[in-house]
Amino acid sequence: MPLYHYISERTQENIHTVSLYVGAARQEEYYDFIINLAPKRVIFNPGTENPQFAQKLNKAGISWENALYAGFTFYESIPVLKR
């Protein structure tokens, strides 16, 4: 059973962070699922950065971050403008 089916059967409430470990080329099938979870933020780990998905997250009012590693973790935060 794919992980997203497992999650959707159990809860879709109060999800704070979705952390991506899947490359941009394989993320498209998860766009709607992640947006519908309505997390407070999405973290793109190194190698998963995806401007197309980031734009969709912005439109949905979900903040996102590109995680950068240099010995320890830094986050490059992209604020979401309030409408």
N, C-alpha and C. Protein backbone atom coordinates (compact mmCIF):
# COMPACT_ATOMS: atom_id res chain seq x y z
N MET A 1 0.85 -1.17 0.00
CA MET A 1 0.00 0.00 0.00
C MET A 1 0.90 1.24 0.00
N PRO A 2 0.70 2.17 -0.96
CA PRO A 2 1.51 3.39 -0.96
C PRO A 2 1.31 4.19 0.33
N LEU A 3 2.36 4.87 0.74
CA LEU A 3 2.33 5.61 1.99
C LEU A 3 1.19 6.62 2.03
N TYR A 4 0.94 7.32 0.93
CA TYR A 4 -0.10 8.34 0.97
C TYR A 4 -1.48 7.74 1.20
N HIS A 5 -1.71 6.50 0.79
CA HIS A 5 -2.98 5.84 1.10
C HIS A 5 -3.04 5.52 2.60
N TYR A 6 -1.93 5.09 3.14
CA TYR A 6 -1.84 4.78 4.57
C TYR A 6 -2.16 6.02 5.40
N ILE A 7 -1.56 7.15 5.03
CA ILE A 7 -1.81 8.39 5.77
C ILE A 7 -3.25 8.82 5.61
N SER A 8 -3.77 8.79 4.40
CA SER A 8 -5.12 9.29 4.17
C SER A 8 -6.18 8.47 4.89
N GLU A 9 -5.91 7.21 5.14
CA GLU A 9 -6.86 6.38 5.87
C GLU A 9 -6.87 6.70 7.36
N ARG A 10 -5.81 7.28 7.87
CA ARG A 10 -5.69 7.51 9.30
C ARG A 10 -5.96 8.94 9.72
N THR A 11 -5.40 9.89 9.05
CA THR A 11 -5.61 11.28 9.43
C THR A 11 -5.24 12.22 8.31
N GLN A 12 -5.96 13.28 8.23
CA GLN A 12 -5.59 14.36 7.32
C GLN A 12 -5.77 15.68 8.06
N GLU A 13 -5.72 15.62 9.37
CA GLU A 13 -5.93 16.81 10.18
C GLU A 13 -4.65 17.18 10.91
N ASN A 14 -4.46 18.46 11.07
CA ASN A 14 -3.38 18.99 11.90
C ASN A 14 -1.99 18.53 11.48
N ILE A 15 -1.73 18.47 10.19
CA ILE A 15 -0.39 18.11 9.71
C ILE A 15 0.41 19.41 9.64
N HIS A 16 1.50 19.44 10.37
CA HIS A 16 2.31 20.66 10.40
C HIS A 16 3.31 20.72 9.25
N THR A 17 4.08 19.66 9.06
CA THR A 17 5.17 19.68 8.08
C THR A 17 5.16 18.43 7.23
N VAL A 18 5.32 18.63 5.93
CA VAL A 18 5.58 17.53 5.00
C VAL A 18 7.00 17.74 4.52
N SER A 19 7.84 16.73 4.70
CA SER A 19 9.24 16.79 4.31
C SER A 19 9.45 15.86 3.12
N LEU A 20 9.87 16.42 1.99
CA LEU A 20 9.99 15.64 0.76
C LEU A 20 11.37 15.01 0.61
N TYR A 21 11.38 13.75 0.21
CA TYR A 21 12.61 13.01 -0.09
C TYR A 21 12.53 12.40 -1.48
N VAL A 22 11.55 12.84 -2.26
CA VAL A 22 11.33 12.34 -3.61
C VAL A 22 11.71 13.44 -4.59
N GLY A 23 12.49 13.12 -5.59
CA GLY A 23 12.93 14.11 -6.57
C GLY A 23 11.78 14.74 -7.34
N ALA A 24 12.03 15.91 -7.89
CA ALA A 24 11.01 16.68 -8.60
C ALA A 24 10.33 15.89 -9.71
N ALA A 25 11.08 15.06 -10.39
CA ALA A 25 10.52 14.29 -11.51
C ALA A 25 9.43 13.31 -11.07
N ARG A 26 9.41 12.97 -9.79
CA ARG A 26 8.42 11.98 -9.31
C ARG A 26 7.40 12.59 -8.35
N GLN A 27 7.42 13.90 -8.17
CA GLN A 27 6.54 14.54 -7.21
C GLN A 27 5.14 14.84 -7.73
N GLU A 28 4.98 15.01 -9.02
CA GLU A 28 3.72 15.49 -9.57
C GLU A 28 2.51 14.68 -9.11
N GLU A 29 2.65 13.38 -9.01
CA GLU A 29 1.50 12.56 -8.60
C GLU A 29 1.08 12.83 -7.16
N TYR A 30 1.92 13.51 -6.38
CA TYR A 30 1.61 13.82 -4.99
C TYR A 30 1.15 15.27 -4.76
N TYR A 31 1.19 16.11 -5.78
CA TYR A 31 0.85 17.53 -5.62
C TYR A 31 -0.51 17.70 -4.93
N ASP A 32 -1.56 17.17 -5.51
CA ASP A 32 -2.90 17.38 -4.97
C ASP A 32 -3.04 16.78 -3.58
N PHE A 33 -2.48 15.60 -3.38
CA PHE A 33 -2.57 14.97 -2.07
C PHE A 33 -1.95 15.84 -0.99
N ILE A 34 -0.75 16.34 -1.25
CA ILE A 34 -0.06 17.17 -0.25
C ILE A 34 -0.80 18.48 -0.04
N ILE A 35 -1.24 19.11 -1.11
CA ILE A 35 -1.99 20.37 -0.97
C ILE A 35 -3.27 20.15 -0.18
N ASN A 36 -3.96 19.05 -0.43
CA ASN A 36 -5.20 18.76 0.30
C ASN A 36 -4.97 18.43 1.77
N LEU A 37 -3.77 17.99 2.13
CA LEU A 37 -3.45 17.80 3.54
C LEU A 37 -3.41 19.13 4.27
N ALA A 38 -3.15 20.21 3.52
CA ALA A 38 -3.06 21.57 4.07
C ALA A 38 -2.04 21.68 5.20
N PRO A 39 -0.80 21.22 4.96
CA PRO A 39 0.20 21.39 6.01
C PRO A 39 0.56 22.86 6.18
N LYS A 40 1.16 23.19 7.30
CA LYS A 40 1.62 24.57 7.50
C LYS A 40 2.83 24.86 6.63
N ARG A 41 3.65 23.84 6.35
CA ARG A 41 4.82 24.03 5.49
C ARG A 41 5.21 22.72 4.82
N VAL A 42 5.97 22.88 3.74
CA VAL A 42 6.56 21.75 3.03
C VAL A 42 8.06 22.03 2.96
N ILE A 43 8.85 21.03 3.29
CA ILE A 43 10.31 21.15 3.20
C ILE A 43 10.79 20.35 2.01
N PHE A 44 11.52 21.03 1.12
CA PHE A 44 12.17 20.37 -0.01
C PHE A 44 13.61 20.06 0.44
N ASN A 45 13.90 18.80 0.70
CA ASN A 45 15.26 18.41 1.08
C ASN A 45 16.18 18.51 -0.14
N PRO A 46 17.50 18.56 0.08
CA PRO A 46 18.42 18.69 -1.05
C PRO A 46 18.14 17.64 -2.13
N GLY A 47 18.06 18.11 -3.36
CA GLY A 47 17.78 17.24 -4.50
C GLY A 47 16.31 17.11 -4.81
N THR A 48 15.44 17.68 -3.97
CA THR A 48 14.00 17.60 -4.21
C THR A 48 13.40 18.95 -4.59
N GLU A 49 14.21 19.99 -4.69
CA GLU A 49 13.72 21.33 -4.99
C GLU A 49 12.88 21.30 -6.26
N ASN A 50 11.75 22.03 -6.24
CA ASN A 50 10.81 21.95 -7.36
C ASN A 50 10.05 23.28 -7.48
N PRO A 51 10.51 24.19 -8.34
CA PRO A 51 9.85 25.49 -8.49
C PRO A 51 8.39 25.38 -8.92
N GLN A 52 8.06 24.39 -9.73
CA GLN A 52 6.67 24.22 -10.19
C GLN A 52 5.77 23.89 -9.01
N PHE A 53 6.19 22.96 -8.14
CA PHE A 53 5.39 22.60 -6.98
C PHE A 53 5.37 23.75 -5.98
N ALA A 54 6.50 24.43 -5.82
CA ALA A 54 6.55 25.57 -4.90
C ALA A 54 5.53 26.63 -5.31
N GLN A 55 5.38 26.87 -6.60
CA GLN A 55 4.41 27.84 -7.08
C GLN A 55 2.98 27.39 -6.72
N LYS A 56 2.70 26.12 -6.87
CA LYS A 56 1.37 25.60 -6.49
C LYS A 56 1.14 25.73 -4.99
N LEU A 57 2.17 25.49 -4.20
CA LEU A 57 2.05 25.66 -2.75
C LEU A 57 1.76 27.11 -2.41
N ASN A 58 2.45 28.04 -3.06
CA ASN A 58 2.19 29.46 -2.84
C ASN A 58 0.73 29.80 -3.12
N LYS A 59 0.22 29.32 -4.24
CA LYS A 59 -1.18 29.58 -4.60
C LYS A 59 -2.14 29.01 -3.58
N ALA A 60 -1.76 27.91 -2.93
CA ALA A 60 -2.61 27.27 -1.93
C ALA A 60 -2.41 27.89 -0.54
N GLY A 61 -1.49 28.85 -0.42
CA GLY A 61 -1.25 29.49 0.86
C GLY A 61 -0.42 28.66 1.82
N ILE A 62 0.36 27.73 1.27
CA ILE A 62 1.20 26.84 2.09
C ILE A 62 2.66 27.30 1.95
N SER A 63 3.31 27.57 3.09
CA SER A 63 4.70 27.99 3.01
C SER A 63 5.59 26.79 2.71
N TRP A 64 6.75 27.06 2.16
CA TRP A 64 7.68 25.98 1.82
C TRP A 64 9.09 26.47 2.06
N GLU A 65 10.01 25.53 2.19
CA GLU A 65 11.41 25.83 2.46
C GLU A 65 12.30 24.88 1.67
N ASN A 66 13.42 25.42 1.17
CA ASN A 66 14.47 24.57 0.60
C ASN A 66 15.47 24.32 1.71
N ALA A 67 15.62 23.09 2.13
CA ALA A 67 16.59 22.75 3.17
C ALA A 67 17.97 22.71 2.54
N LEU A 68 18.92 23.32 3.19
CA LEU A 68 20.30 23.36 2.71
C LEU A 68 21.18 22.71 3.76
N TYR A 69 22.09 21.84 3.35
CA TYR A 69 22.98 21.17 4.29
C TYR A 69 24.41 21.63 4.07
N ALA A 70 25.04 22.04 5.16
CA ALA A 70 26.45 22.40 5.13
C ALA A 70 27.03 22.07 6.51
N GLY A 71 27.04 20.80 6.85
CA GLY A 71 27.49 20.38 8.16
C GLY A 71 26.35 20.34 9.17
N PHE A 72 25.43 21.26 9.05
CA PHE A 72 24.22 21.25 9.84
C PHE A 72 23.13 21.91 9.01
N THR A 73 21.92 21.90 9.48
CA THR A 73 20.78 22.29 8.66
C THR A 73 20.49 23.78 8.73
N PHE A 74 20.32 24.37 7.57
CA PHE A 74 19.83 25.73 7.44
C PHE A 74 18.55 25.65 6.63
N TYR A 75 17.69 26.60 6.79
CA TYR A 75 16.48 26.66 5.97
C TYR A 75 16.41 27.99 5.27
N GLU A 76 16.11 27.94 4.01
CA GLU A 76 15.85 29.12 3.21
C GLU A 76 14.33 29.24 3.15
N SER A 77 13.76 30.12 3.94
CA SER A 77 12.31 30.22 4.03
C SER A 77 11.77 31.16 2.98
N ILE A 78 10.66 30.78 2.41
CA ILE A 78 9.95 31.60 1.45
C ILE A 78 8.60 31.95 2.08
N PRO A 79 8.42 33.22 2.44
CA PRO A 79 7.16 33.58 3.10
C PRO A 79 5.97 33.51 2.15
N VAL A 80 4.83 33.22 2.71
CA VAL A 80 3.59 33.22 1.95
C VAL A 80 2.87 34.53 2.25
N LEU A 81 2.50 35.24 1.22
CA LEU A 81 1.80 36.50 1.41
C LEU A 81 0.35 36.23 1.80
N LYS A 82 -0.13 36.99 2.78
CA LYS A 82 -1.52 36.88 3.18
C LYS A 82 -2.39 37.55 2.13
N ARG A 83 -3.54 36.96 1.86
CA ARG A 83 -4.45 37.52 0.87
C ARG A 83 -5.45 38.41 1.52
